[in-house]
Structure formats: C-alpha cells, structure tokens
Amino acid sequence: MSIGIVNAQNTRKDKKAAHAAEIKSMVEAQNYLFNASYVTPMRGISRSLNSQYDMTVTKDTVSAYLPYFGQAYQAPYNPTDGGIKFTTTKFTYSSKVGKKGGWTVTIKPTDRSISDGRDVQTMTLNISQDGFASLQVISTNRDPISFNGTIEKRDIKK
C-alpha cells in the first residue's frame, strides 16, 4: 500500500471522527436542526420532500415545521394549516447513547395549549454518528408518521 493511500484513509477517518464529535456535541448541547428529506406515513406512500421541512431543537425551545400525510381523527382548528407546526418552550428532553454509538432523543411537549402541536405526544429522534437521523412523531389525534433526514448545525441569526 502506498503512502498516499494510507494518508487518504487516515484523512477520511479523521474527518469522520471530527464529524461524529461535532454531532455528539450538538446532541449533548441540545442545539441542532433536523432537516427532513423523506417522509413515511403509517398509511399511504412514502415520498421525498422537495421543500424545506425541519425541526429545530435548543435547550429552551423546540420548533417543528413538518408535513403530515395520514389519517387524522380530529380536524385541525385551522384547516388551512395542516402538518406538524408548532413552537414550544415547555417540553421534556432525554437523550441516551445507542448500542452502535448513535443517540436516541425523546422530546415530549408538555404545553397542551399550543395550537396544532397540542396533540403531539412524543417525538423520538434516532441519530447516527454520521448525522443521519429518523424522527417518529406520535400524536393523540393522528396516525404516527416518520421522517428521515440529517442533523445539522443550527443557523444562529442575530
């Protein structure tokens, strides 16, 4: 094996380790953005998402802007505002390291007065060391829905 190939492999390993450390730091600091790129409803067809849908997590706020496809058992108060869209400062957040080194994050909104997000019971985010993630949303009045995407550094706007 030539020195160039060994150096290239070491560089890739170093980059991967640095990226894993960055993901770990974001999860532990509760400061990241889940960028959804694919949706899997409980019923119906899975599909790619062409628009920007995401969930922002900080220590004091969770903000979700995600689509919803599936069966709702109760109509939303505002029929033109479907999807999973809410911002709350009242939630519980727990994170544990998975068996393969990733993380399982559980977010439970506790503010039942927020419109449209009031029926979200649990949001479970499984995050790999590479930054890929899946989000499952369990609601009171809707079928469960899952999203696949990536964890990214949050844009901090001043």
N, C-alpha and C. Protein backbone atom coordinates (compact mmCIF):
# COMPACT_ATOMS: atom_id res chain seq x y z
N MET A 1 0.85 -1.17 0.00
CA MET A 1 0.00 0.00 0.00
C MET A 1 0.90 1.24 0.00
N SER A 2 0.58 2.17 -0.86
CA SER A 2 1.42 3.36 -0.95
C SER A 2 1.10 4.35 0.16
N ILE A 3 2.02 5.24 0.41
CA ILE A 3 1.86 6.23 1.47
C ILE A 3 0.69 7.15 1.18
N GLY A 4 0.46 7.48 -0.09
CA GLY A 4 -0.66 8.35 -0.47
C GLY A 4 -2.00 7.75 -0.11
N ILE A 5 -2.15 6.44 -0.32
CA ILE A 5 -3.41 5.76 0.01
C ILE A 5 -3.60 5.71 1.52
N VAL A 6 -2.57 5.42 2.26
CA VAL A 6 -2.65 5.38 3.73
C VAL A 6 -3.01 6.76 4.26
N ASN A 7 -2.39 7.81 3.74
CA ASN A 7 -2.70 9.18 4.19
C ASN A 7 -4.14 9.54 3.86
N ALA A 8 -4.63 9.15 2.69
CA ALA A 8 -6.01 9.44 2.30
C ALA A 8 -6.98 8.73 3.24
N GLN A 9 -6.67 7.46 3.61
CA GLN A 9 -7.53 6.72 4.52
C GLN A 9 -7.53 7.36 5.91
N ASN A 10 -6.36 7.79 6.35
CA ASN A 10 -6.27 8.46 7.66
C ASN A 10 -7.04 9.77 7.64
N THR A 11 -6.95 10.52 6.55
CA THR A 11 -7.66 11.78 6.43
C THR A 11 -9.17 11.55 6.50
N ARG A 12 -9.66 10.52 5.78
CA ARG A 12 -11.10 10.20 5.83
C ARG A 12 -11.52 9.80 7.24
N LYS A 13 -10.70 8.99 7.91
CA LYS A 13 -11.02 8.58 9.28
C LYS A 13 -11.05 9.79 10.20
N ASP A 14 -10.07 10.70 10.03
CA ASP A 14 -10.02 11.90 10.85
C ASP A 14 -11.26 12.77 10.63
N LYS A 15 -11.64 12.93 9.36
CA LYS A 15 -12.83 13.74 9.04
C LYS A 15 -14.08 13.11 9.63
N LYS A 16 -14.20 11.79 9.51
CA LYS A 16 -15.36 11.08 10.04
C LYS A 16 -15.41 11.22 11.56
N ALA A 17 -14.27 11.08 12.21
CA ALA A 17 -14.21 11.22 13.68
C ALA A 17 -14.55 12.65 14.10
N ALA A 18 -14.07 13.63 13.35
CA ALA A 18 -14.38 15.04 13.67
C ALA A 18 -15.88 15.31 13.49
N HIS A 19 -16.47 14.75 12.43
CA HIS A 19 -17.89 14.94 12.18
C HIS A 19 -18.72 14.27 13.29
N ALA A 20 -18.33 13.07 13.70
CA ALA A 20 -19.02 12.36 14.79
C ALA A 20 -18.92 13.17 16.09
N ALA A 21 -17.76 13.76 16.35
CA ALA A 21 -17.58 14.58 17.56
C ALA A 21 -18.47 15.83 17.49
N GLU A 22 -18.61 16.41 16.29
CA GLU A 22 -19.47 17.59 16.12
C GLU A 22 -20.94 17.21 16.37
N ILE A 23 -21.38 16.07 15.83
CA ILE A 23 -22.76 15.61 16.04
C ILE A 23 -22.99 15.37 17.53
N LYS A 24 -22.04 14.70 18.19
CA LYS A 24 -22.15 14.43 19.63
C LYS A 24 -22.29 15.73 20.41
N SER A 25 -21.48 16.70 20.07
CA SER A 25 -21.52 17.98 20.77
C SER A 25 -22.86 18.69 20.57
N MET A 26 -23.43 18.62 19.36
CA MET A 26 -24.73 19.25 19.10
C MET A 26 -25.83 18.56 19.90
N VAL A 27 -25.81 17.22 19.94
CA VAL A 27 -26.85 16.47 20.66
C VAL A 27 -26.75 16.76 22.15
N GLU A 28 -25.54 16.73 22.70
CA GLU A 28 -25.36 16.98 24.13
C GLU A 28 -25.70 18.41 24.51
N ALA A 29 -25.44 19.36 23.61
CA ALA A 29 -25.74 20.77 23.88
C ALA A 29 -27.20 21.11 23.59
N GLN A 30 -27.96 20.16 23.05
CA GLN A 30 -29.34 20.39 22.64
C GLN A 30 -29.42 21.62 21.74
N ASN A 31 -28.63 21.60 20.67
CA ASN A 31 -28.58 22.74 19.78
C ASN A 31 -28.34 22.25 18.35
N TYR A 32 -29.43 21.92 17.63
CA TYR A 32 -29.28 21.39 16.28
C TYR A 32 -30.57 21.54 15.49
N LEU A 33 -30.46 21.22 14.23
CA LEU A 33 -31.58 21.27 13.30
C LEU A 33 -31.72 19.89 12.67
N PHE A 34 -32.92 19.33 12.72
CA PHE A 34 -33.23 18.10 11.99
C PHE A 34 -33.84 18.53 10.67
N ASN A 35 -33.17 18.23 9.57
CA ASN A 35 -33.63 18.60 8.24
C ASN A 35 -34.25 17.37 7.59
N ALA A 36 -35.58 17.37 7.44
CA ALA A 36 -36.29 16.21 6.90
C ALA A 36 -36.19 16.18 5.38
N SER A 37 -35.88 14.99 4.84
CA SER A 37 -35.78 14.85 3.39
C SER A 37 -36.70 13.75 2.84
N TYR A 38 -37.25 12.93 3.72
CA TYR A 38 -38.08 11.80 3.29
C TYR A 38 -39.14 11.55 4.36
N VAL A 39 -40.36 11.24 3.95
CA VAL A 39 -41.45 11.00 4.90
C VAL A 39 -42.06 9.63 4.65
N THR A 40 -42.40 8.95 5.75
CA THR A 40 -43.05 7.64 5.67
C THR A 40 -44.29 7.68 6.57
N PRO A 41 -45.47 7.88 5.96
CA PRO A 41 -46.68 7.85 6.77
C PRO A 41 -47.05 6.41 7.13
N MET A 42 -47.88 6.24 8.16
CA MET A 42 -48.30 4.90 8.55
C MET A 42 -49.13 4.25 7.42
N ARG A 43 -49.93 5.05 6.76
CA ARG A 43 -50.72 4.59 5.62
C ARG A 43 -50.33 5.44 4.42
N GLY A 44 -50.34 4.86 3.28
CA GLY A 44 -50.04 5.64 2.09
C GLY A 44 -48.62 5.44 1.61
N ILE A 45 -48.22 6.33 0.73
CA ILE A 45 -46.96 6.20 0.01
C ILE A 45 -45.86 7.03 0.68
N SER A 46 -44.69 6.44 0.83
CA SER A 46 -43.51 7.18 1.29
C SER A 46 -43.06 8.09 0.15
N ARG A 47 -42.49 9.21 0.48
CA ARG A 47 -42.07 10.14 -0.57
C ARG A 47 -40.94 11.04 -0.13
N SER A 48 -40.22 11.52 -1.13
CA SER A 48 -39.17 12.52 -0.88
C SER A 48 -39.83 13.86 -0.63
N LEU A 49 -39.19 14.67 0.17
CA LEU A 49 -39.69 16.02 0.42
C LEU A 49 -38.88 17.00 -0.40
N ASN A 50 -39.55 17.81 -1.17
CA ASN A 50 -38.86 18.76 -2.05
C ASN A 50 -38.73 20.14 -1.42
N SER A 51 -39.51 20.40 -0.39
CA SER A 51 -39.46 21.69 0.28
C SER A 51 -38.66 21.57 1.57
N GLN A 52 -38.39 22.70 2.19
CA GLN A 52 -37.61 22.74 3.43
C GLN A 52 -38.53 22.46 4.61
N TYR A 53 -38.41 21.27 5.20
CA TYR A 53 -39.14 20.91 6.41
C TYR A 53 -38.12 20.56 7.47
N ASP A 54 -38.34 21.04 8.69
CA ASP A 54 -37.34 20.81 9.72
C ASP A 54 -37.92 20.88 11.12
N MET A 55 -37.07 20.54 12.07
CA MET A 55 -37.36 20.68 13.49
C MET A 55 -36.09 21.24 14.13
N THR A 56 -36.25 22.36 14.82
CA THR A 56 -35.12 23.00 15.49
C THR A 56 -35.20 22.68 16.98
N VAL A 57 -34.07 22.29 17.54
CA VAL A 57 -34.01 21.96 18.96
C VAL A 57 -32.94 22.84 19.62
N THR A 58 -33.34 23.52 20.67
CA THR A 58 -32.40 24.24 21.53
C THR A 58 -32.73 23.84 22.97
N LYS A 59 -31.90 24.28 23.90
CA LYS A 59 -32.13 23.93 25.31
C LYS A 59 -33.50 24.41 25.80
N ASP A 60 -33.99 25.54 25.27
CA ASP A 60 -35.23 26.09 25.79
C ASP A 60 -36.40 26.09 24.80
N THR A 61 -36.20 25.66 23.56
CA THR A 61 -37.28 25.73 22.56
C THR A 61 -37.20 24.57 21.58
N VAL A 62 -38.37 24.04 21.23
CA VAL A 62 -38.48 23.08 20.13
C VAL A 62 -39.46 23.69 19.14
N SER A 63 -39.04 23.75 17.89
CA SER A 63 -39.87 24.33 16.84
C SER A 63 -39.94 23.35 15.68
N ALA A 64 -41.15 22.93 15.33
CA ALA A 64 -41.33 21.96 14.25
C ALA A 64 -42.10 22.57 13.10
N TYR A 65 -41.63 22.31 11.89
CA TYR A 65 -42.33 22.68 10.66
C TYR A 65 -42.21 21.47 9.74
N LEU A 66 -43.16 20.53 9.91
CA LEU A 66 -43.12 19.26 9.19
C LEU A 66 -44.47 19.00 8.52
N PRO A 67 -44.47 18.31 7.40
CA PRO A 67 -45.74 17.99 6.74
C PRO A 67 -46.42 16.80 7.44
N TYR A 68 -47.69 16.61 7.16
CA TYR A 68 -48.37 15.43 7.67
C TYR A 68 -49.17 14.79 6.55
N PHE A 69 -48.98 13.49 6.37
CA PHE A 69 -49.74 12.68 5.44
C PHE A 69 -50.28 11.51 6.24
N GLY A 70 -51.54 11.32 6.26
CA GLY A 70 -52.09 10.20 7.01
C GLY A 70 -53.48 10.52 7.50
N GLN A 71 -53.99 9.68 8.38
CA GLN A 71 -55.34 9.84 8.87
C GLN A 71 -55.32 10.63 10.16
N ALA A 72 -56.13 11.70 10.16
CA ALA A 72 -56.34 12.48 11.37
C ALA A 72 -57.72 12.13 11.92
N TYR A 73 -57.81 11.96 13.22
CA TYR A 73 -59.07 11.58 13.83
C TYR A 73 -59.86 12.78 14.32
N GLN A 74 -59.24 13.95 14.23
CA GLN A 74 -59.90 15.19 14.60
C GLN A 74 -59.34 16.27 13.67
N ALA A 75 -60.23 17.07 13.11
CA ALA A 75 -59.80 18.12 12.19
C ALA A 75 -59.04 19.21 12.95
N PRO A 76 -58.02 19.82 12.30
CA PRO A 76 -57.32 20.92 12.97
C PRO A 76 -58.24 22.12 13.12
N TYR A 77 -57.94 22.97 14.09
CA TYR A 77 -58.76 24.16 14.29
C TYR A 77 -58.71 25.08 13.08
N ASN A 78 -57.57 25.16 12.44
CA ASN A 78 -57.42 25.96 11.24
C ASN A 78 -57.14 25.01 10.07
N PRO A 79 -58.16 24.72 9.23
CA PRO A 79 -58.00 23.72 8.17
C PRO A 79 -56.93 24.06 7.13
N THR A 80 -56.55 25.33 7.00
CA THR A 80 -55.52 25.69 6.02
C THR A 80 -54.12 25.47 6.56
N ASP A 81 -54.01 25.13 7.83
CA ASP A 81 -52.71 24.97 8.46
C ASP A 81 -52.50 23.53 8.90
N GLY A 82 -52.37 22.63 7.93
CA GLY A 82 -52.13 21.23 8.25
C GLY A 82 -50.68 21.02 8.62
N GLY A 83 -50.31 19.80 8.83
CA GLY A 83 -48.92 19.49 9.16
C GLY A 83 -48.67 19.49 10.65
N ILE A 84 -47.42 19.37 10.98
CA ILE A 84 -46.97 19.38 12.38
C ILE A 84 -46.17 20.66 12.53
N LYS A 85 -46.84 21.70 12.98
CA LYS A 85 -46.22 23.02 13.05
C LYS A 85 -46.48 23.61 14.42
N PHE A 86 -45.41 23.78 15.17
CA PHE A 86 -45.54 24.40 16.49
C PHE A 86 -44.18 24.83 17.00
N THR A 87 -44.22 25.72 17.97
CA THR A 87 -43.05 26.13 18.74
C THR A 87 -43.44 26.08 20.19
N THR A 88 -42.62 25.45 21.01
CA THR A 88 -42.92 25.37 22.43
C THR A 88 -41.65 25.52 23.25
N THR A 89 -41.83 26.07 24.43
CA THR A 89 -40.73 26.15 25.40
C THR A 89 -40.98 25.20 26.56
N LYS A 90 -42.10 24.50 26.51
CA LYS A 90 -42.47 23.57 27.57
C LYS A 90 -42.40 22.15 27.02
N PHE A 91 -41.29 21.46 27.36
CA PHE A 91 -41.08 20.10 26.87
C PHE A 91 -40.06 19.40 27.75
N THR A 92 -40.06 18.07 27.66
CA THR A 92 -39.01 17.30 28.30
C THR A 92 -38.10 16.76 27.20
N TYR A 93 -36.82 16.63 27.52
CA TYR A 93 -35.82 16.19 26.55
C TYR A 93 -34.94 15.17 27.23
N SER A 94 -34.85 13.98 26.66
CA SER A 94 -33.92 13.00 27.20
C SER A 94 -33.14 12.39 26.05
N SER A 95 -31.89 12.07 26.32
CA SER A 95 -31.02 11.52 25.29
C SER A 95 -30.21 10.40 25.89
N LYS A 96 -30.09 9.29 25.14
CA LYS A 96 -29.25 8.20 25.60
C LYS A 96 -28.45 7.67 24.42
N VAL A 97 -27.28 7.16 24.73
CA VAL A 97 -26.39 6.62 23.70
C VAL A 97 -26.92 5.26 23.28
N GLY A 98 -26.98 5.05 21.95
CA GLY A 98 -27.46 3.78 21.42
C GLY A 98 -26.38 2.72 21.41
N LYS A 99 -26.76 1.50 21.04
CA LYS A 99 -25.84 0.37 21.04
C LYS A 99 -24.72 0.54 20.02
N LYS A 100 -24.99 1.20 18.92
CA LYS A 100 -23.97 1.35 17.88
C LYS A 100 -23.33 2.74 17.90
N GLY A 101 -23.46 3.43 19.02
CA GLY A 101 -22.78 4.70 19.17
C GLY A 101 -23.59 5.92 18.82
N GLY A 102 -24.77 5.76 18.27
CA GLY A 102 -25.62 6.92 17.97
C GLY A 102 -26.37 7.35 19.22
N TRP A 103 -27.45 8.09 19.03
CA TRP A 103 -28.24 8.57 20.15
C TRP A 103 -29.72 8.38 19.87
N THR A 104 -30.46 8.19 20.93
CA THR A 104 -31.92 8.21 20.87
C THR A 104 -32.37 9.37 21.73
N VAL A 105 -33.04 10.32 21.09
CA VAL A 105 -33.51 11.52 21.77
C VAL A 105 -35.04 11.46 21.82
N THR A 106 -35.59 11.67 23.00
CA THR A 106 -37.04 11.69 23.17
C THR A 106 -37.46 13.08 23.62
N ILE A 107 -38.37 13.67 22.86
CA ILE A 107 -38.89 15.00 23.16
C ILE A 107 -40.39 14.87 23.37
N LYS A 108 -40.87 15.36 24.52
CA LYS A 108 -42.29 15.32 24.82
C LYS A 108 -42.78 16.72 25.15
N PRO A 109 -43.55 17.34 24.23
CA PRO A 109 -44.13 18.65 24.55
C PRO A 109 -45.08 18.52 25.74
N THR A 110 -45.02 19.46 26.66
CA THR A 110 -45.89 19.42 27.83
C THR A 110 -46.90 20.55 27.83
N ASP A 111 -46.82 21.44 26.87
CA ASP A 111 -47.74 22.58 26.77
C ASP A 111 -48.93 22.15 25.92
N ARG A 112 -50.03 21.86 26.54
CA ARG A 112 -51.20 21.37 25.82
C ARG A 112 -52.04 22.51 25.23
N SER A 113 -51.64 23.76 25.40
CA SER A 113 -52.44 24.86 24.87
C SER A 113 -51.92 25.37 23.52
N ILE A 114 -50.81 24.82 23.04
CA ILE A 114 -50.30 25.30 21.75
C ILE A 114 -51.15 24.74 20.62
N SER A 115 -51.53 25.59 19.70
CA SER A 115 -52.38 25.14 18.61
C SER A 115 -51.58 24.26 17.66
N ASP A 116 -52.22 23.29 17.10
CA ASP A 116 -51.69 22.34 16.12
C ASP A 116 -50.61 21.42 16.67
N GLY A 117 -49.88 21.80 17.67
CA GLY A 117 -48.88 20.91 18.24
C GLY A 117 -49.39 20.25 19.50
N ARG A 118 -50.59 20.64 19.93
CA ARG A 118 -51.11 20.17 21.21
C ARG A 118 -51.33 18.67 21.24
N ASP A 119 -51.51 18.04 20.05
CA ASP A 119 -51.75 16.61 20.09
C ASP A 119 -50.48 15.80 19.89
N VAL A 120 -49.33 16.44 19.72
CA VAL A 120 -48.07 15.70 19.62
C VAL A 120 -47.70 15.20 21.01
N GLN A 121 -47.63 13.87 21.14
CA GLN A 121 -47.30 13.27 22.43
C GLN A 121 -45.81 13.06 22.60
N THR A 122 -45.19 12.45 21.57
CA THR A 122 -43.77 12.11 21.66
C THR A 122 -43.11 12.26 20.30
N MET A 123 -41.90 12.78 20.31
CA MET A 123 -41.07 12.85 19.11
C MET A 123 -39.78 12.11 19.45
N THR A 124 -39.54 11.00 18.74
CA THR A 124 -38.34 10.20 19.01
C THR A 124 -37.39 10.33 17.83
N LEU A 125 -36.20 10.79 18.12
CA LEU A 125 -35.19 11.04 17.10
C LEU A 125 -34.04 10.06 17.30
N ASN A 126 -33.80 9.21 16.31
CA ASN A 126 -32.66 8.29 16.34
C ASN A 126 -31.57 8.88 15.45
N ILE A 127 -30.44 9.19 16.05
CA ILE A 127 -29.37 9.90 15.36
C ILE A 127 -28.14 9.00 15.26
N SER A 128 -27.59 8.87 14.06
CA SER A 128 -26.35 8.09 13.89
C SER A 128 -25.15 9.00 14.11
N GLN A 129 -23.98 8.41 14.29
CA GLN A 129 -22.75 9.19 14.45
C GLN A 129 -22.42 9.98 13.19
N ASP A 130 -22.95 9.52 12.04
CA ASP A 130 -22.69 10.21 10.78
C ASP A 130 -23.61 11.41 10.57
N GLY A 131 -24.60 11.60 11.46
CA GLY A 131 -25.50 12.72 11.34
C GLY A 131 -26.80 12.40 10.62
N PHE A 132 -26.99 11.14 10.23
CA PHE A 132 -28.27 10.77 9.65
C PHE A 132 -29.24 10.51 10.79
N ALA A 133 -30.52 10.80 10.55
CA ALA A 133 -31.48 10.66 11.64
C ALA A 133 -32.85 10.25 11.12
N SER A 134 -33.60 9.60 12.00
CA SER A 134 -35.01 9.31 11.72
C SER A 134 -35.82 9.86 12.88
N LEU A 135 -36.95 10.45 12.56
CA LEU A 135 -37.82 11.07 13.56
C LEU A 135 -39.18 10.39 13.47
N GLN A 136 -39.67 9.90 14.59
CA GLN A 136 -41.03 9.35 14.63
C GLN A 136 -41.86 10.27 15.51
N VAL A 137 -43.03 10.66 14.99
CA VAL A 137 -43.93 11.55 15.71
C VAL A 137 -45.19 10.77 16.06
N ILE A 138 -45.49 10.71 17.36
CA ILE A 138 -46.70 10.05 17.86
C ILE A 138 -47.64 11.15 18.35
N SER A 139 -48.85 11.14 17.83
CA SER A 139 -49.85 12.14 18.19
C SER A 139 -51.09 11.48 18.79
N THR A 140 -51.89 12.27 19.47
CA THR A 140 -53.13 11.78 20.05
C THR A 140 -54.18 11.57 18.97
N ASN A 141 -54.31 12.54 18.07
CA ASN A 141 -55.41 12.54 17.13
C ASN A 141 -55.02 12.23 15.69
N ARG A 142 -53.84 11.68 15.48
CA ARG A 142 -53.37 11.36 14.13
C ARG A 142 -52.59 10.05 14.16
N ASP A 143 -52.52 9.42 12.99
CA ASP A 143 -51.67 8.24 12.85
C ASP A 143 -50.20 8.65 13.03
N PRO A 144 -49.35 7.74 13.51
CA PRO A 144 -47.91 8.04 13.61
C PRO A 144 -47.33 8.31 12.22
N ILE A 145 -46.26 9.06 12.19
CA ILE A 145 -45.57 9.38 10.95
C ILE A 145 -44.07 9.43 11.23
N SER A 146 -43.26 9.04 10.24
CA SER A 146 -41.80 9.04 10.40
C SER A 146 -41.15 9.87 9.31
N PHE A 147 -40.01 10.45 9.65
CA PHE A 147 -39.23 11.25 8.72
C PHE A 147 -37.78 10.79 8.76
N ASN A 148 -37.11 10.83 7.64
CA ASN A 148 -35.67 10.59 7.58
C ASN A 148 -35.01 11.87 7.13
N GLY A 149 -33.81 12.10 7.63
CA GLY A 149 -33.10 13.31 7.25
C GLY A 149 -31.73 13.35 7.89
N THR A 150 -31.26 14.55 8.13
CA THR A 150 -29.94 14.75 8.71
C THR A 150 -29.99 15.74 9.86
N ILE A 151 -29.01 15.62 10.74
CA ILE A 151 -28.81 16.58 11.82
C ILE A 151 -27.76 17.57 11.35
N GLU A 152 -28.06 18.83 11.51
CA GLU A 152 -27.16 19.88 11.04
C GLU A 152 -26.98 20.93 12.10
N LYS A 153 -25.90 21.69 11.92
CA LYS A 153 -25.64 22.82 12.80
C LYS A 153 -26.73 23.86 12.56
N ARG A 154 -27.22 24.41 13.63
CA ARG A 154 -28.28 25.40 13.56
C ARG A 154 -27.72 26.74 13.09
N ASP A 155 -28.43 27.39 12.16
CA ASP A 155 -28.07 28.77 11.76
C ASP A 155 -28.49 29.69 12.86
N ILE A 156 -27.55 30.39 13.43
CA ILE A 156 -27.87 31.33 14.51
C ILE A 156 -27.97 32.71 13.90
N LYS A 157 -29.21 33.23 13.88
CA LYS A 157 -29.45 34.55 13.30
C LYS A 157 -29.50 35.58 14.42
N LYS A 158 -28.79 36.64 14.21
CA LYS A 158 -28.75 37.68 15.24
C LYS A 158 -29.65 38.82 14.88
